[in-house]
Amino acid sequence: MSESDSKTTKDHKKIREWVEARDGKPAVVESTSNSEKGGGLLRINFPGYAEDNLKNISWDEFFDIFDSNDLQFLYQEETSDGGESRFFKFVADEE
């Protein structure tokens, strides 16, 4: 398995380290932040990637939403050419 292969994790420490190494911040889509189930659509707010209507949240709030929605974090360490990857998405935990 190369570093450009995608991996999944539920490990809070690993997720936070991956995000912070790329200067990201935990966030939700603001228009969904009052939704009934778990507090909103999770995002990572990276500098220079302008996504409108994101609201930065605390790591505690982020992981509360993450866990209550039974999510896994799918991510990539490096791009296929060896550069640092910011590819990620939240996927349903199939276990």
C-alpha atoms as a PDB file:
ATOM      1  CA  MET A   1       0.000   0.000   0.000  1.00  0.00           C
ATOM      2  CA  SER A   2       1.500   3.336  -0.994  1.00  0.00           C
ATOM      3  CA  GLU A   3       0.944   6.653   0.765  1.00  0.00           C
ATOM      4  CA  SER A   4      -1.243   7.737  -2.173  1.00  0.00           C
ATOM      5  CA  ASP A   5      -3.759   4.993  -1.350  1.00  0.00           C
ATOM      6  CA  SER A   6      -6.817   6.096   0.584  1.00  0.00           C
ATOM      7  CA  LYS A   7      -7.212   4.993   4.192  1.00  0.00           C
ATOM      8  CA  THR A   8     -10.085   5.225   6.649  1.00  0.00           C
ATOM      9  CA  THR A   9     -10.012   5.893  10.369  1.00  0.00           C
ATOM     10  CA  LYS A  10     -12.249   6.766  13.298  1.00  0.00           C
ATOM     11  CA  ASP A  11      -9.234   7.694  15.455  1.00  0.00           C
ATOM     12  CA  HIS A  12      -9.757  11.261  16.695  1.00  0.00           C
ATOM     13  CA  LYS A  13      -6.041  11.881  17.272  1.00  0.00           C
ATOM     14  CA  LYS A  14      -5.085  10.698  13.782  1.00  0.00           C
ATOM     15  CA  ILE A  15      -7.814  12.820  12.141  1.00  0.00           C
ATOM     16  CA  ARG A  16      -6.834  15.933  14.076  1.00  0.00           C
ATOM     17  CA  GLU A  17      -3.117  15.460  13.288  1.00  0.00           C
ATOM     18  CA  TRP A  18      -3.856  14.986   9.554  1.00  0.00           C
ATOM     19  CA  VAL A  19      -6.058  18.101   9.414  1.00  0.00           C
ATOM     20  CA  GLU A  20      -3.739  20.340  11.461  1.00  0.00           C
ATOM     21  CA  ALA A  21      -0.673  19.248   9.457  1.00  0.00           C
ATOM     22  CA  ARG A  22      -2.469  20.780   6.442  1.00  0.00           C
ATOM     23  CA  ASP A  23      -3.525  23.954   8.333  1.00  0.00           C
ATOM     24  CA  GLY A  24      -7.165  22.879   8.297  1.00  0.00           C
ATOM     25  CA  LYS A  25      -9.829  23.716  10.862  1.00  0.00           C
ATOM     26  CA  PRO A  26     -12.926  21.706  11.814  1.00  0.00           C
ATOM     27  CA  ALA A  27     -16.102  23.258  10.414  1.00  0.00           C
ATOM     28  CA  VAL A  28     -19.747  22.722   9.532  1.00  0.00           C
ATOM     29  CA  VAL A  29     -21.837  24.079   6.678  1.00  0.00           C
ATOM     30  CA  GLU A  30     -23.503  26.993   8.465  1.00  0.00           C
ATOM     31  CA  SER A  31     -26.963  26.465   6.955  1.00  0.00           C
ATOM     32  CA  THR A  32     -27.011  22.934   8.439  1.00  0.00           C
ATOM     33  CA  SER A  33     -25.559  23.711  11.861  1.00  0.00           C
ATOM     34  CA  ASN A  34     -28.956  23.518  13.581  1.00  0.00           C
ATOM     35  CA  SER A  35     -30.077  20.247  12.027  1.00  0.00           C
ATOM     36  CA  GLU A  36     -31.779  17.648  14.203  1.00  0.00           C
ATOM     37  CA  LYS A  37     -29.224  14.862  13.864  1.00  0.00           C
ATOM     38  CA  GLY A  38     -25.854  15.706  15.219  1.00  0.00           C
ATOM     39  CA  GLY A  39     -25.272  19.366  14.440  1.00  0.00           C
ATOM     40  CA  GLY A  40     -24.631  19.779  10.715  1.00  0.00           C
ATOM     41  CA  LEU A  41     -22.632  18.711   7.689  1.00  0.00           C
ATOM     42  CA  LEU A  42     -18.969  18.361   8.612  1.00  0.00           C
ATOM     43  CA  ARG A  43     -16.240  19.962   6.547  1.00  0.00           C
ATOM     44  CA  ILE A  44     -12.561  20.796   6.921  1.00  0.00           C
ATOM     45  CA  ASN A  45     -11.846  24.475   6.331  1.00  0.00           C
ATOM     46  CA  PHE A  46      -8.493  24.718   4.531  1.00  0.00           C
ATOM     47  CA  PRO A  47      -6.870  28.115   3.904  1.00  0.00           C
ATOM     48  CA  GLY A  48      -7.104  29.140   0.260  1.00  0.00           C
ATOM     49  CA  TYR A  49     -10.038  26.833  -0.470  1.00  0.00           C
ATOM     50  CA  ALA A  50     -12.924  29.258  -0.355  1.00  0.00           C
ATOM     51  CA  GLU A  51     -16.067  27.358   0.467  1.00  0.00           C
ATOM     52  CA  ASP A  52     -18.872  29.728   1.339  1.00  0.00           C
ATOM     53  CA  ASN A  53     -20.957  29.453   4.477  1.00  0.00           C
ATOM     54  CA  LEU A  54     -18.535  27.402   6.559  1.00  0.00           C
ATOM     55  CA  LYS A  55     -18.544  27.951  10.307  1.00  0.00           C
ATOM     56  CA  ASN A  56     -15.436  26.889  12.236  1.00  0.00           C
ATOM     57  CA  ILE A  57     -16.230  24.753  15.277  1.00  0.00           C
ATOM     58  CA  SER A  58     -14.262  23.252  18.145  1.00  0.00           C
ATOM     59  CA  TRP A  59     -12.661  19.840  17.867  1.00  0.00           C
ATOM     60  CA  ASP A  60     -14.992  18.628  20.652  1.00  0.00           C
ATOM     61  CA  GLU A  61     -18.067  19.688  18.670  1.00  0.00           C
ATOM     62  CA  PHE A  62     -16.590  18.224  15.483  1.00  0.00           C
ATOM     63  CA  PHE A  63     -16.012  14.816  17.056  1.00  0.00           C
ATOM     64  CA  ASP A  64     -19.434  14.844  18.764  1.00  0.00           C
ATOM     65  CA  ILE A  65     -21.037  15.223  15.318  1.00  0.00           C
ATOM     66  CA  PHE A  66     -18.595  12.735  13.756  1.00  0.00           C
ATOM     67  CA  ASP A  67     -19.326  10.056  16.358  1.00  0.00           C
ATOM     68  CA  SER A  68     -23.080  10.625  16.595  1.00  0.00           C
ATOM     69  CA  ASN A  69     -23.381  10.149  12.830  1.00  0.00           C
ATOM     70  CA  ASP A  70     -21.267   6.942  12.825  1.00  0.00           C
ATOM     71  CA  LEU A  71     -18.757   8.328  10.330  1.00  0.00           C
ATOM     72  CA  GLN A  72     -15.314   7.296   9.208  1.00  0.00           C
ATOM     73  CA  PHE A  73     -12.677   9.672   7.837  1.00  0.00           C
ATOM     74  CA  LEU A  74     -11.425   8.602   4.395  1.00  0.00           C
ATOM     75  CA  TYR A  75      -8.143  10.343   3.583  1.00  0.00           C
ATOM     76  CA  GLN A  76      -4.952  10.264   1.568  1.00  0.00           C
ATOM     77  CA  GLU A  77      -1.478  11.117   2.890  1.00  0.00           C
ATOM     78  CA  GLU A  78       0.124  11.952  -0.478  1.00  0.00           C
ATOM     79  CA  THR A  79      -0.910  12.545  -4.051  1.00  0.00           C
ATOM     80  CA  SER A  80       0.232  10.018  -6.655  1.00  0.00           C
ATOM     81  CA  ASP A  81       3.182  12.295  -7.511  1.00  0.00           C
ATOM     82  CA  GLY A  82       4.336  12.397  -3.869  1.00  0.00           C
ATOM     83  CA  GLY A  83       2.934  15.791  -2.869  1.00  0.00           C
ATOM     84  CA  GLU A  84       0.944  16.402   0.289  1.00  0.00           C
ATOM     85  CA  SER A  85      -2.692  15.465  -0.278  1.00  0.00           C
ATOM     86  CA  ARG A  86      -5.736  17.248   1.119  1.00  0.00           C
ATOM     87  CA  PHE A  87      -8.101  14.616  -0.232  1.00  0.00           C
ATOM     88  CA  PHE A  88     -10.632  13.453   2.343  1.00  0.00           C
ATOM     89  CA  LYS A  89     -14.278  12.706   2.773  1.00  0.00           C
ATOM     90  CA  PHE A  90     -16.622  11.520   5.453  1.00  0.00           C
ATOM     91  CA  VAL A  91     -18.150   8.113   4.850  1.00  0.00           C
ATOM     92  CA  ALA A  92     -20.666   5.976   6.732  1.00  0.00           C
ATOM     93  CA  ASP A  93     -19.161   3.450   9.090  1.00  0.00           C
ATOM     94  CA  GLU A  94     -20.067   0.074   7.580  1.00  0.00           C
ATOM     95  CA  GLU A  95     -19.156  -1.950  10.676  1.00  0.00           C
END
